[in-house]
Amino acid sequence: MSTELSTQIEVIAVDAHTGSHLFKEVLLGILSFKTVIYVTHQVEFLHAADLILVMKNGRITQAGKELLIQPLRG
């Protein structure tokens, strides 16, 4: 049995300024040495990701460090 403590933090519906602040201060600051799974539609945060997964209909459609995100059609 692992002694590693897993913590889940959920932030729901914050304005753009607050979201940006949380991203910079918490994810890039306080949690910078932790594994973080960050789910967002805001592409301005992609530059800081080690791995980007793009999903459509519950499936991974693209994966990589830096992606050229193309608009989804259909």
C-alpha atoms as a PDB file:
ATOM      1  CA  MET A   1       0.000   0.000   0.000  1.00  0.00           C
ATOM      2  CA  SER A   2       1.357   3.404  -0.969  1.00  0.00           C
ATOM      3  CA  THR A   3       1.959   6.044   1.675  1.00  0.00           C
ATOM      4  CA  GLU A   4       1.783   8.756  -1.003  1.00  0.00           C
ATOM      5  CA  LEU A   5      -0.999  11.223  -0.287  1.00  0.00           C
ATOM      6  CA  SER A   6      -3.088  12.128  -3.302  1.00  0.00           C
ATOM      7  CA  THR A   7      -4.828  15.476  -3.228  1.00  0.00           C
ATOM      8  CA  GLN A   8      -7.465  16.648  -5.638  1.00  0.00           C
ATOM      9  CA  ILE A   9      -8.164  20.345  -5.926  1.00  0.00           C
ATOM     10  CA  GLU A  10     -11.069  21.563  -7.999  1.00  0.00           C
ATOM     11  CA  VAL A  11     -11.515  25.150  -9.077  1.00  0.00           C
ATOM     12  CA  ILE A  12     -14.773  25.888 -10.808  1.00  0.00           C
ATOM     13  CA  ALA A  13     -15.903  28.979 -12.717  1.00  0.00           C
ATOM     14  CA  VAL A  14     -13.344  31.667 -11.947  1.00  0.00           C
ATOM     15  CA  ASP A  15     -12.888  34.818 -13.997  1.00  0.00           C
ATOM     16  CA  ALA A  16      -9.933  35.191 -16.370  1.00  0.00           C
ATOM     17  CA  HIS A  17      -7.845  37.306 -13.978  1.00  0.00           C
ATOM     18  CA  THR A  18      -8.330  34.896 -11.049  1.00  0.00           C
ATOM     19  CA  GLY A  19      -7.670  31.856 -13.259  1.00  0.00           C
ATOM     20  CA  SER A  20      -4.442  33.372 -14.525  1.00  0.00           C
ATOM     21  CA  HIS A  21      -3.346  34.223 -10.986  1.00  0.00           C
ATOM     22  CA  LEU A  22      -4.118  30.705  -9.738  1.00  0.00           C
ATOM     23  CA  PHE A  23      -2.240  29.168 -12.652  1.00  0.00           C
ATOM     24  CA  LYS A  24       0.876  31.273 -12.107  1.00  0.00           C
ATOM     25  CA  GLU A  25       0.997  31.263  -8.303  1.00  0.00           C
ATOM     26  CA  VAL A  26      -0.299  27.779  -7.514  1.00  0.00           C
ATOM     27  CA  LEU A  27       0.464  25.512 -10.478  1.00  0.00           C
ATOM     28  CA  LEU A  28       3.737  27.137 -11.555  1.00  0.00           C
ATOM     29  CA  GLY A  29       4.698  28.120  -8.012  1.00  0.00           C
ATOM     30  CA  ILE A  30       3.493  26.098  -5.042  1.00  0.00           C
ATOM     31  CA  LEU A  31       2.854  22.883  -7.002  1.00  0.00           C
ATOM     32  CA  SER A  32       5.761  23.205  -9.426  1.00  0.00           C
ATOM     33  CA  PHE A  33       7.452  20.041  -8.105  1.00  0.00           C
ATOM     34  CA  LYS A  34       4.257  17.960  -8.062  1.00  0.00           C
ATOM     35  CA  THR A  35       2.470  16.035 -10.782  1.00  0.00           C
ATOM     36  CA  VAL A  36      -0.567  18.075 -11.812  1.00  0.00           C
ATOM     37  CA  ILE A  37      -3.314  17.170 -14.238  1.00  0.00           C
ATOM     38  CA  TYR A  38      -4.797  20.453 -15.420  1.00  0.00           C
ATOM     39  CA  VAL A  39      -7.972  20.380 -17.490  1.00  0.00           C
ATOM     40  CA  THR A  40      -8.817  23.562 -19.371  1.00  0.00           C
ATOM     41  CA  HIS A  41     -10.106  25.055 -22.588  1.00  0.00           C
ATOM     42  CA  GLN A  42      -7.729  28.002 -22.179  1.00  0.00           C
ATOM     43  CA  VAL A  43      -4.947  27.512 -24.723  1.00  0.00           C
ATOM     44  CA  GLU A  44      -2.817  30.355 -23.312  1.00  0.00           C
ATOM     45  CA  PHE A  45      -1.600  27.953 -20.594  1.00  0.00           C
ATOM     46  CA  LEU A  46      -0.348  25.270 -23.008  1.00  0.00           C
ATOM     47  CA  HIS A  47       3.204  26.674 -23.154  1.00  0.00           C
ATOM     48  CA  ALA A  48       3.825  25.586 -19.550  1.00  0.00           C
ATOM     49  CA  ALA A  49       2.731  21.967 -19.998  1.00  0.00           C
ATOM     50  CA  ASP A  50       5.156  19.047 -20.096  1.00  0.00           C
ATOM     51  CA  LEU A  51       2.598  16.959 -21.968  1.00  0.00           C
ATOM     52  CA  ILE A  52      -0.582  18.077 -23.729  1.00  0.00           C
ATOM     53  CA  LEU A  53      -3.430  15.694 -24.430  1.00  0.00           C
ATOM     54  CA  VAL A  54      -6.266  16.787 -26.708  1.00  0.00           C
ATOM     55  CA  MET A  55      -9.475  14.831 -26.308  1.00  0.00           C
ATOM     56  CA  LYS A  56     -12.583  14.519 -28.434  1.00  0.00           C
ATOM     57  CA  ASN A  57     -15.579  12.356 -27.566  1.00  0.00           C
ATOM     58  CA  GLY A  58     -13.703  10.824 -24.627  1.00  0.00           C
ATOM     59  CA  ARG A  59     -10.681   9.752 -26.689  1.00  0.00           C
ATOM     60  CA  ILE A  60      -7.185  11.209 -26.959  1.00  0.00           C
ATOM     61  CA  THR A  61      -6.782  12.636 -30.464  1.00  0.00           C
ATOM     62  CA  GLN A  62      -3.413  14.403 -30.083  1.00  0.00           C
ATOM     63  CA  ALA A  63      -0.517  14.154 -27.628  1.00  0.00           C
ATOM     64  CA  GLY A  64       2.792  15.947 -27.377  1.00  0.00           C
ATOM     65  CA  LYS A  65       4.837  18.764 -25.885  1.00  0.00           C
ATOM     66  CA  GLU A  66       3.842  21.494 -28.286  1.00  0.00           C
ATOM     67  CA  LEU A  67       0.811  21.013 -30.455  1.00  0.00           C
ATOM     68  CA  LEU A  68      -0.630  22.954 -33.284  1.00  0.00           C
ATOM     69  CA  ILE A  69      -4.210  22.987 -32.140  1.00  0.00           C
ATOM     70  CA  GLN A  70      -6.566  22.940 -35.070  1.00  0.00           C
ATOM     71  CA  PRO A  71     -10.254  23.755 -34.762  1.00  0.00           C
ATOM     72  CA  LEU A  72     -12.400  20.670 -34.388  1.00  0.00           C
ATOM     73  CA  ARG A  73     -14.762  20.127 -37.273  1.00  0.00           C
ATOM     74  CA  GLY A  74     -18.034  18.289 -37.172  1.00  0.00           C
END
